[in-house]
Amino acid sequence: MTINIISIGKLAEEWRPLVEKYKRKVGFYSITNIIELKENKDKKREIRIKKETEAILNAIPKGSDVILLSLNG
């Protein structure tokens, strides 16, 4: 099994130790990849969200199960 963690922009430094710990814990059972996508700099929020959504969808391998993790729940 392969786990892909996709983020917009560079993963924050405070999250890196947690991600590395997670990778060590599940490393025996799966391969874990961190995919950091380029942050869109468009001034209009709606356009920025649309372009970043498209980038995320394009980064998801075909046939994958998807689980959304959000700070907003």
N, C-alpha and C. Protein backbone atom coordinates (compact mmCIF):
# COMPACT_ATOMS: atom_id res chain seq x y z
N MET A 1 0.85 -1.17 0.00
CA MET A 1 0.00 0.00 0.00
C MET A 1 0.90 1.24 0.00
N THR A 2 0.47 2.25 -0.72
CA THR A 2 1.17 3.53 -0.76
C THR A 2 0.26 4.62 -0.20
N ILE A 3 0.80 5.43 0.69
CA ILE A 3 0.08 6.57 1.26
C ILE A 3 0.73 7.84 0.72
N ASN A 4 -0.08 8.69 0.08
CA ASN A 4 0.40 9.97 -0.43
C ASN A 4 -0.21 11.08 0.41
N ILE A 5 0.63 11.89 1.02
CA ILE A 5 0.17 13.07 1.77
C ILE A 5 0.40 14.26 0.87
N ILE A 6 -0.70 14.89 0.45
CA ILE A 6 -0.62 16.01 -0.49
C ILE A 6 -0.90 17.30 0.26
N SER A 7 -0.02 18.28 0.06
CA SER A 7 -0.23 19.58 0.71
C SER A 7 -0.02 20.69 -0.31
N ILE A 8 -0.71 21.79 -0.09
CA ILE A 8 -0.52 22.99 -0.91
C ILE A 8 0.56 23.79 -0.20
N GLY A 9 1.59 24.14 -0.93
CA GLY A 9 2.71 24.86 -0.34
C GLY A 9 3.60 23.90 0.43
N LYS A 10 4.66 24.42 0.95
CA LYS A 10 5.62 23.62 1.70
C LYS A 10 5.02 23.24 3.05
N LEU A 11 5.19 21.99 3.42
CA LEU A 11 4.70 21.51 4.70
C LEU A 11 5.35 22.30 5.83
N ALA A 12 4.55 22.83 6.73
CA ALA A 12 5.06 23.68 7.82
C ALA A 12 6.06 22.91 8.68
N GLU A 13 7.07 23.60 9.15
CA GLU A 13 8.14 22.98 9.94
C GLU A 13 7.60 22.29 11.20
N GLU A 14 6.56 22.83 11.83
CA GLU A 14 6.03 22.20 13.04
C GLU A 14 5.34 20.87 12.74
N TRP A 15 4.95 20.65 11.47
CA TRP A 15 4.31 19.39 11.08
C TRP A 15 5.33 18.33 10.66
N ARG A 16 6.52 18.75 10.25
CA ARG A 16 7.52 17.80 9.73
C ARG A 16 7.86 16.68 10.71
N PRO A 17 8.13 16.98 12.00
CA PRO A 17 8.44 15.88 12.93
C PRO A 17 7.28 14.88 13.07
N LEU A 18 6.05 15.39 13.04
CA LEU A 18 4.88 14.50 13.15
C LEU A 18 4.76 13.60 11.93
N VAL A 19 5.00 14.16 10.75
CA VAL A 19 4.93 13.37 9.52
C VAL A 19 6.04 12.32 9.50
N GLU A 20 7.24 12.71 9.90
CA GLU A 20 8.35 11.75 9.94
C GLU A 20 8.07 10.62 10.94
N LYS A 21 7.49 10.96 12.08
CA LYS A 21 7.13 9.94 13.07
C LYS A 21 6.09 8.98 12.50
N TYR A 22 5.10 9.53 11.81
CA TYR A 22 4.06 8.72 11.17
C TYR A 22 4.68 7.80 10.12
N LYS A 23 5.60 8.34 9.30
CA LYS A 23 6.25 7.54 8.27
C LYS A 23 7.02 6.37 8.89
N ARG A 24 7.68 6.60 10.02
CA ARG A 24 8.40 5.52 10.70
C ARG A 24 7.45 4.45 11.21
N LYS A 25 6.30 4.88 11.77
CA LYS A 25 5.35 3.94 12.34
C LYS A 25 4.71 3.04 11.28
N VAL A 26 4.35 3.61 10.14
CA VAL A 26 3.67 2.82 9.10
C VAL A 26 4.63 2.31 8.04
N GLY A 27 5.91 2.64 8.17
CA GLY A 27 6.90 2.26 7.17
C GLY A 27 7.03 0.77 6.93
N PHE A 28 6.72 -0.02 7.94
CA PHE A 28 6.79 -1.47 7.79
C PHE A 28 5.66 -1.98 6.90
N TYR A 29 4.51 -1.29 6.93
CA TYR A 29 3.32 -1.73 6.21
C TYR A 29 3.10 -1.04 4.87
N SER A 30 3.65 0.14 4.70
CA SER A 30 3.36 0.90 3.49
C SER A 30 4.49 1.86 3.14
N ILE A 31 4.40 2.39 1.95
CA ILE A 31 5.30 3.44 1.48
C ILE A 31 4.55 4.76 1.65
N THR A 32 5.19 5.75 2.24
CA THR A 32 4.54 7.05 2.45
C THR A 32 5.30 8.12 1.68
N ASN A 33 4.57 8.86 0.85
CA ASN A 33 5.14 9.95 0.05
C ASN A 33 4.54 11.28 0.49
N ILE A 34 5.37 12.30 0.52
CA ILE A 34 4.92 13.67 0.77
C ILE A 34 4.94 14.39 -0.57
N ILE A 35 3.78 14.91 -0.99
CA ILE A 35 3.68 15.64 -2.25
C ILE A 35 3.33 17.08 -1.92
N GLU A 36 4.27 17.98 -2.14
CA GLU A 36 4.06 19.40 -1.85
C GLU A 36 3.81 20.12 -3.17
N LEU A 37 2.60 20.64 -3.34
CA LEU A 37 2.23 21.32 -4.56
C LEU A 37 2.47 22.82 -4.43
N LYS A 38 2.75 23.44 -5.54
CA LYS A 38 3.02 24.87 -5.56
C LYS A 38 1.76 25.65 -5.17
N GLU A 39 1.95 26.59 -4.25
CA GLU A 39 0.86 27.44 -3.80
C GLU A 39 0.52 28.44 -4.90
N ASN A 40 -0.78 28.63 -5.16
CA ASN A 40 -1.22 29.58 -6.17
C ASN A 40 -1.22 30.98 -5.56
N LYS A 41 -0.67 31.94 -6.27
CA LYS A 41 -0.53 33.30 -5.75
C LYS A 41 -1.58 34.27 -6.28
N ASP A 42 -2.62 33.75 -6.94
CA ASP A 42 -3.66 34.62 -7.50
C ASP A 42 -4.32 35.43 -6.39
N LYS A 43 -4.64 36.67 -6.67
CA LYS A 43 -5.22 37.56 -5.65
C LYS A 43 -6.68 37.21 -5.36
N LYS A 44 -7.39 36.67 -6.36
CA LYS A 44 -8.80 36.32 -6.16
C LYS A 44 -8.89 34.95 -5.50
N ARG A 45 -9.52 34.93 -4.35
CA ARG A 45 -9.61 33.71 -3.55
C ARG A 45 -10.28 32.56 -4.31
N GLU A 46 -11.37 32.86 -5.03
CA GLU A 46 -12.11 31.82 -5.75
C GLU A 46 -11.24 31.16 -6.82
N ILE A 47 -10.46 31.96 -7.54
CA ILE A 47 -9.58 31.42 -8.57
C ILE A 47 -8.47 30.60 -7.94
N ARG A 48 -7.92 31.10 -6.84
CA ARG A 48 -6.85 30.40 -6.14
C ARG A 48 -7.33 29.03 -5.66
N ILE A 49 -8.51 28.98 -5.06
CA ILE A 49 -9.07 27.71 -4.58
C ILE A 49 -9.32 26.76 -5.73
N LYS A 50 -9.87 27.26 -6.83
CA LYS A 50 -10.15 26.42 -7.99
C LYS A 50 -8.87 25.80 -8.56
N LYS A 51 -7.82 26.62 -8.73
CA LYS A 51 -6.57 26.13 -9.29
C LYS A 51 -5.87 25.15 -8.36
N GLU A 52 -5.90 25.41 -7.06
CA GLU A 52 -5.28 24.51 -6.10
C GLU A 52 -6.05 23.19 -6.01
N THR A 53 -7.38 23.26 -6.12
CA THR A 53 -8.20 22.05 -6.14
C THR A 53 -7.85 21.19 -7.34
N GLU A 54 -7.72 21.81 -8.51
CA GLU A 54 -7.35 21.09 -9.72
C GLU A 54 -5.97 20.43 -9.56
N ALA A 55 -5.04 21.15 -8.95
CA ALA A 55 -3.69 20.61 -8.75
C ALA A 55 -3.73 19.38 -7.82
N ILE A 56 -4.53 19.46 -6.77
CA ILE A 56 -4.66 18.33 -5.85
C ILE A 56 -5.27 17.13 -6.57
N LEU A 57 -6.35 17.36 -7.31
CA LEU A 57 -7.01 16.26 -8.02
C LEU A 57 -6.07 15.62 -9.04
N ASN A 58 -5.25 16.42 -9.69
CA ASN A 58 -4.29 15.88 -10.67
C ASN A 58 -3.17 15.09 -9.99
N ALA A 59 -2.89 15.39 -8.73
CA ALA A 59 -1.81 14.70 -8.01
C ALA A 59 -2.25 13.36 -7.43
N ILE A 60 -3.56 13.11 -7.37
CA ILE A 60 -4.07 11.86 -6.82
C ILE A 60 -3.96 10.78 -7.89
N PRO A 61 -3.24 9.70 -7.59
CA PRO A 61 -3.13 8.60 -8.56
C PRO A 61 -4.50 7.99 -8.86
N LYS A 62 -4.69 7.55 -10.10
CA LYS A 62 -5.95 6.93 -10.51
C LYS A 62 -6.22 5.69 -9.67
N GLY A 63 -7.49 5.49 -9.31
CA GLY A 63 -7.90 4.32 -8.54
C GLY A 63 -7.60 4.40 -7.05
N SER A 64 -7.20 5.57 -6.57
CA SER A 64 -6.85 5.73 -5.15
C SER A 64 -8.09 5.94 -4.30
N ASP A 65 -8.01 5.49 -3.06
CA ASP A 65 -9.01 5.86 -2.05
C ASP A 65 -8.52 7.19 -1.48
N VAL A 66 -9.45 8.12 -1.23
CA VAL A 66 -9.07 9.46 -0.80
C VAL A 66 -9.67 9.75 0.57
N ILE A 67 -8.82 10.28 1.46
CA ILE A 67 -9.26 10.70 2.79
C ILE A 67 -8.83 12.15 2.96
N LEU A 68 -9.77 13.04 3.23
CA LEU A 68 -9.49 14.46 3.40
C LEU A 68 -9.14 14.74 4.86
N LEU A 69 -8.00 15.36 5.08
CA LEU A 69 -7.61 15.82 6.40
C LEU A 69 -7.54 17.33 6.36
N SER A 70 -8.29 17.97 7.23
CA SER A 70 -8.38 19.42 7.20
C SER A 70 -8.32 19.97 8.63
N LEU A 71 -7.71 21.13 8.78
CA LEU A 71 -7.69 21.77 10.09
C LEU A 71 -9.09 22.19 10.50
N ASN A 72 -9.99 22.37 9.52
CA ASN A 72 -11.36 22.78 9.80
C ASN A 72 -12.27 21.61 10.15
N GLY A 73 -11.76 20.40 10.07
CA GLY A 73 -12.56 19.22 10.40
C GLY A 73 -13.28 18.62 9.24
